[in-house]
């Protein structure tokens, strides 16, 4: 059974291309930047963020939970049962 990891993200909806990586200093502290093509309408951007993070962290999209900020660009994300190595992958994305 893995550990629970919580981290902040800054979402850039409507981007030309999807990308996960970089650092943003925002309301929740240091946040991982996640750019998605989906617009911020009807939860489409949230679903795209979950899929993008799942791909970057090698987990299933359903394992990525938006804990805070459903309707905001700044979100708090939780991986309730993160696999081994997820914390290291997350750290490498902040660069």
N, C-alpha and C. Protein backbone atom coordinates (compact mmCIF):
# COMPACT_ATOMS: atom_id res chain seq x y z
N UNK A 1 0.84 -1.18 0.00
CA UNK A 1 0.00 0.00 0.00
C UNK A 1 0.88 1.24 0.00
N UNK A 2 0.60 2.20 -0.91
CA UNK A 2 1.42 3.40 -1.05
C UNK A 2 1.04 4.48 -0.06
N UNK A 3 1.81 5.55 -0.11
CA UNK A 3 1.57 6.69 0.76
C UNK A 3 0.60 7.67 0.10
N UNK A 4 0.03 8.56 0.90
CA UNK A 4 -0.82 9.62 0.37
C UNK A 4 0.05 10.84 0.10
N UNK A 5 -0.08 11.39 -1.09
CA UNK A 5 0.68 12.58 -1.48
C UNK A 5 -0.30 13.68 -1.83
N UNK A 6 -0.07 14.87 -1.29
CA UNK A 6 -0.87 16.06 -1.64
C UNK A 6 0.06 17.11 -2.20
N UNK A 7 -0.41 17.78 -3.26
CA UNK A 7 0.38 18.85 -3.86
C UNK A 7 -0.53 19.82 -4.58
N UNK A 8 -0.02 21.04 -4.76
CA UNK A 8 -0.78 22.09 -5.44
C UNK A 8 -0.45 22.11 -6.92
N UNK A 9 -1.44 22.48 -7.73
CA UNK A 9 -1.22 22.67 -9.16
C UNK A 9 -1.82 24.00 -9.58
N UNK A 10 -1.24 24.57 -10.62
CA UNK A 10 -1.77 25.78 -11.28
C UNK A 10 -2.16 25.34 -12.68
N UNK A 11 -3.44 25.46 -13.00
CA UNK A 11 -3.96 24.98 -14.28
C UNK A 11 -3.99 26.11 -15.30
N UNK A 12 -3.58 25.79 -16.51
CA UNK A 12 -3.67 26.71 -17.65
C UNK A 12 -4.59 26.06 -18.68
N UNK A 13 -5.92 26.32 -18.57
CA UNK A 13 -6.86 25.73 -19.52
C UNK A 13 -6.77 26.42 -20.88
N UNK A 14 -7.20 25.72 -21.91
CA UNK A 14 -7.23 26.29 -23.25
C UNK A 14 -5.85 26.49 -23.86
N UNK A 15 -4.86 25.72 -23.41
CA UNK A 15 -3.49 25.84 -23.93
C UNK A 15 -3.39 25.22 -25.31
N UNK A 16 -2.39 25.61 -26.06
CA UNK A 16 -2.17 25.05 -27.40
C UNK A 16 -1.75 23.59 -27.33
N UNK A 17 -1.01 23.24 -26.26
CA UNK A 17 -0.59 21.84 -26.10
C UNK A 17 -0.63 21.49 -24.62
N UNK A 18 -0.78 20.21 -24.35
CA UNK A 18 -0.80 19.75 -22.96
C UNK A 18 0.62 19.57 -22.46
N UNK A 19 0.85 19.99 -21.22
CA UNK A 19 2.17 19.85 -20.62
C UNK A 19 2.03 19.83 -19.10
N UNK A 20 2.90 19.05 -18.47
CA UNK A 20 2.96 19.00 -17.02
C UNK A 20 4.40 19.28 -16.65
N UNK A 21 4.61 20.37 -15.93
CA UNK A 21 5.96 20.69 -15.50
C UNK A 21 6.16 22.17 -15.31
N UNK A 22 7.04 22.50 -14.40
CA UNK A 22 7.32 23.88 -14.07
C UNK A 22 6.77 24.23 -12.70
N UNK A 23 7.15 25.39 -12.24
CA UNK A 23 6.80 25.81 -10.88
C UNK A 23 6.08 27.15 -10.92
N UNK A 24 5.04 27.28 -10.12
CA UNK A 24 4.27 28.51 -9.99
C UNK A 24 4.16 28.83 -8.50
N UNK A 25 4.49 30.06 -8.13
CA UNK A 25 4.33 30.48 -6.74
C UNK A 25 2.97 31.16 -6.63
N UNK A 26 2.04 30.49 -5.98
CA UNK A 26 0.67 31.00 -5.92
C UNK A 26 0.07 30.95 -4.55
N UNK A 27 -1.24 31.00 -4.50
CA UNK A 27 -2.00 31.06 -3.25
C UNK A 27 -1.76 29.85 -2.35
N UNK A 28 -1.54 28.70 -2.94
CA UNK A 28 -1.32 27.47 -2.17
C UNK A 28 0.16 27.16 -1.97
N UNK A 29 1.03 28.12 -2.25
CA UNK A 29 2.47 27.90 -2.16
C UNK A 29 3.00 27.47 -3.51
N UNK A 30 4.09 26.75 -3.52
CA UNK A 30 4.68 26.28 -4.78
C UNK A 30 3.73 25.27 -5.42
N UNK A 31 3.41 25.51 -6.69
CA UNK A 31 2.46 24.66 -7.39
C UNK A 31 3.06 24.16 -8.70
N UNK A 32 2.68 22.96 -9.08
CA UNK A 32 3.07 22.36 -10.35
C UNK A 32 2.18 22.93 -11.45
N UNK A 33 2.77 23.34 -12.57
CA UNK A 33 1.99 23.90 -13.68
C UNK A 33 1.49 22.76 -14.57
N UNK A 34 0.18 22.80 -14.85
CA UNK A 34 -0.44 21.81 -15.73
C UNK A 34 -1.21 22.57 -16.81
N UNK A 35 -0.76 22.47 -18.04
CA UNK A 35 -1.44 23.10 -19.17
C UNK A 35 -2.26 22.04 -19.90
N UNK A 36 -3.53 22.36 -20.16
CA UNK A 36 -4.42 21.42 -20.85
C UNK A 36 -5.14 22.15 -21.98
N UNK A 37 -5.50 21.41 -23.00
CA UNK A 37 -6.23 21.98 -24.15
C UNK A 37 -7.69 22.26 -23.81
N UNK A 38 -8.25 21.50 -22.92
CA UNK A 38 -9.67 21.61 -22.59
C UNK A 38 -10.00 22.98 -22.01
N UNK A 39 -11.19 23.49 -22.33
CA UNK A 39 -11.62 24.76 -21.76
C UNK A 39 -12.09 24.59 -20.32
N UNK A 40 -12.12 25.68 -19.60
CA UNK A 40 -12.58 25.66 -18.20
C UNK A 40 -14.11 25.77 -18.16
N UNK A 41 -14.77 24.79 -18.77
CA UNK A 41 -16.23 24.80 -18.86
C UNK A 41 -16.74 23.39 -18.54
N UNK A 42 -17.71 23.31 -17.66
CA UNK A 42 -18.37 22.04 -17.38
C UNK A 42 -17.47 20.93 -16.86
N UNK A 43 -16.40 21.27 -16.17
CA UNK A 43 -15.51 20.26 -15.61
C UNK A 43 -14.56 19.62 -16.60
N UNK A 44 -14.55 20.11 -17.84
CA UNK A 44 -13.68 19.52 -18.86
C UNK A 44 -12.20 19.71 -18.52
N UNK A 45 -11.84 20.87 -18.02
CA UNK A 45 -10.44 21.12 -17.67
C UNK A 45 -10.02 20.25 -16.48
N UNK A 46 -10.90 20.06 -15.50
CA UNK A 46 -10.57 19.20 -14.36
C UNK A 46 -10.28 17.77 -14.80
N UNK A 47 -11.11 17.26 -15.70
CA UNK A 47 -10.89 15.90 -16.19
C UNK A 47 -9.59 15.82 -16.98
N UNK A 48 -9.29 16.83 -17.78
CA UNK A 48 -8.04 16.85 -18.53
C UNK A 48 -6.83 16.94 -17.60
N UNK A 49 -6.95 17.69 -16.52
CA UNK A 49 -5.87 17.79 -15.53
C UNK A 49 -5.63 16.43 -14.89
N UNK A 50 -6.70 15.74 -14.51
CA UNK A 50 -6.56 14.42 -13.90
C UNK A 50 -5.84 13.46 -14.84
N UNK A 51 -6.22 13.48 -16.13
CA UNK A 51 -5.59 12.59 -17.10
C UNK A 51 -4.13 12.96 -17.34
N UNK A 52 -3.84 14.25 -17.44
CA UNK A 52 -2.46 14.69 -17.68
C UNK A 52 -1.56 14.32 -16.49
N UNK A 53 -2.05 14.55 -15.28
CA UNK A 53 -1.26 14.20 -14.09
C UNK A 53 -1.09 12.68 -13.98
N UNK A 54 -2.13 11.95 -14.29
CA UNK A 54 -2.05 10.48 -14.23
C UNK A 54 -0.97 9.98 -15.18
N UNK A 55 -0.93 10.52 -16.39
CA UNK A 55 0.10 10.12 -17.36
C UNK A 55 1.50 10.48 -16.88
N UNK A 56 1.64 11.67 -16.32
CA UNK A 56 2.96 12.12 -15.87
C UNK A 56 3.46 11.36 -14.64
N UNK A 57 2.53 10.90 -13.80
CA UNK A 57 2.91 10.24 -12.55
C UNK A 57 2.73 8.72 -12.60
N UNK A 58 2.34 8.19 -13.75
CA UNK A 58 2.17 6.76 -13.94
C UNK A 58 1.16 6.14 -12.96
N UNK A 59 0.00 6.82 -12.87
CA UNK A 59 -1.11 6.30 -12.07
C UNK A 59 -2.37 6.33 -12.94
N UNK A 60 -3.45 5.77 -12.45
CA UNK A 60 -4.72 5.82 -13.17
C UNK A 60 -5.39 7.18 -12.94
N UNK A 61 -6.11 7.71 -13.92
CA UNK A 61 -6.80 9.00 -13.73
C UNK A 61 -7.73 9.01 -12.52
N UNK A 62 -8.37 7.89 -12.25
CA UNK A 62 -9.28 7.85 -11.09
C UNK A 62 -8.54 7.93 -9.76
N UNK A 63 -7.22 7.74 -9.78
CA UNK A 63 -6.41 7.85 -8.56
C UNK A 63 -5.97 9.28 -8.27
N UNK A 64 -6.26 10.20 -9.18
CA UNK A 64 -5.92 11.61 -9.00
C UNK A 64 -7.19 12.33 -8.53
N UNK A 65 -7.16 12.87 -7.30
CA UNK A 65 -8.35 13.47 -6.70
C UNK A 65 -8.13 14.97 -6.52
N UNK A 66 -9.10 15.77 -7.00
CA UNK A 66 -9.07 17.21 -6.76
C UNK A 66 -9.72 17.44 -5.39
N UNK A 67 -8.91 17.81 -4.40
CA UNK A 67 -9.38 17.98 -3.03
C UNK A 67 -9.94 19.39 -2.82
N UNK A 68 -9.31 20.36 -3.47
CA UNK A 68 -9.72 21.76 -3.29
C UNK A 68 -9.53 22.48 -4.62
N UNK A 69 -10.45 23.40 -4.94
CA UNK A 69 -10.29 24.22 -6.13
C UNK A 69 -10.96 23.68 -7.38
N UNK A 70 -12.06 22.98 -7.25
CA UNK A 70 -12.78 22.43 -8.41
C UNK A 70 -13.04 23.48 -9.48
N UNK A 71 -13.33 24.70 -9.06
CA UNK A 71 -13.69 25.77 -9.99
C UNK A 71 -12.64 26.87 -10.06
N UNK A 72 -11.41 26.56 -9.70
CA UNK A 72 -10.34 27.56 -9.69
C UNK A 72 -9.13 27.04 -10.46
N UNK A 73 -8.25 27.95 -10.81
CA UNK A 73 -7.00 27.55 -11.49
C UNK A 73 -6.03 26.90 -10.51
N UNK A 74 -6.07 27.36 -9.26
CA UNK A 74 -5.21 26.78 -8.23
C UNK A 74 -5.97 25.64 -7.56
N UNK A 75 -5.39 24.45 -7.60
CA UNK A 75 -6.05 23.27 -7.06
C UNK A 75 -5.13 22.51 -6.11
N UNK A 76 -5.71 21.81 -5.18
CA UNK A 76 -4.98 20.91 -4.31
C UNK A 76 -5.33 19.49 -4.77
N UNK A 77 -4.31 18.73 -5.12
CA UNK A 77 -4.47 17.38 -5.66
C UNK A 77 -3.98 16.36 -4.64
N UNK A 78 -4.65 15.22 -4.61
CA UNK A 78 -4.24 14.14 -3.71
C UNK A 78 -4.12 12.83 -4.49
N UNK A 79 -3.07 12.11 -4.21
CA UNK A 79 -2.90 10.73 -4.69
C UNK A 79 -3.02 9.86 -3.44
N UNK A 80 -4.20 9.27 -3.18
CA UNK A 80 -4.42 8.54 -1.93
C UNK A 80 -3.54 7.31 -1.74
N UNK A 81 -3.20 6.64 -2.80
CA UNK A 81 -2.41 5.41 -2.69
C UNK A 81 -1.31 5.46 -3.76
N UNK A 82 -0.41 6.42 -3.60
CA UNK A 82 0.63 6.65 -4.61
C UNK A 82 1.59 5.46 -4.69
N UNK A 83 1.96 5.07 -5.91
CA UNK A 83 2.89 3.94 -6.08
C UNK A 83 4.31 4.37 -5.71
N UNK A 84 5.19 3.40 -5.48
CA UNK A 84 6.59 3.73 -5.21
C UNK A 84 7.17 4.56 -6.35
N UNK A 85 7.92 5.57 -6.01
CA UNK A 85 8.56 6.41 -7.01
C UNK A 85 7.74 7.61 -7.44
N UNK A 86 6.48 7.70 -7.02
CA UNK A 86 5.61 8.81 -7.44
C UNK A 86 6.13 10.15 -6.89
N UNK A 87 6.60 10.16 -5.66
CA UNK A 87 7.12 11.39 -5.07
C UNK A 87 8.33 11.90 -5.84
N UNK A 88 9.21 10.99 -6.26
CA UNK A 88 10.40 11.39 -7.03
C UNK A 88 10.00 11.93 -8.40
N UNK A 89 9.03 11.28 -9.06
CA UNK A 89 8.54 11.78 -10.35
C UNK A 89 7.94 13.16 -10.20
N UNK A 90 7.19 13.36 -9.13
CA UNK A 90 6.57 14.66 -8.87
C UNK A 90 7.65 15.73 -8.68
N UNK A 91 8.67 15.44 -7.89
CA UNK A 91 9.77 16.39 -7.69
C UNK A 91 10.44 16.77 -8.99
N UNK A 92 10.64 15.79 -9.87
CA UNK A 92 11.32 16.07 -11.14
C UNK A 92 10.47 16.97 -12.04
N UNK A 93 9.15 16.94 -11.91
CA UNK A 93 8.27 17.77 -12.72
C UNK A 93 8.28 19.23 -12.28
N UNK A 94 8.66 19.50 -11.04
CA UNK A 94 8.69 20.87 -10.52
C UNK A 94 9.85 21.68 -11.10
N UNK A 95 10.77 21.05 -11.78
CA UNK A 95 11.94 21.76 -12.32
C UNK A 95 11.61 22.55 -13.55
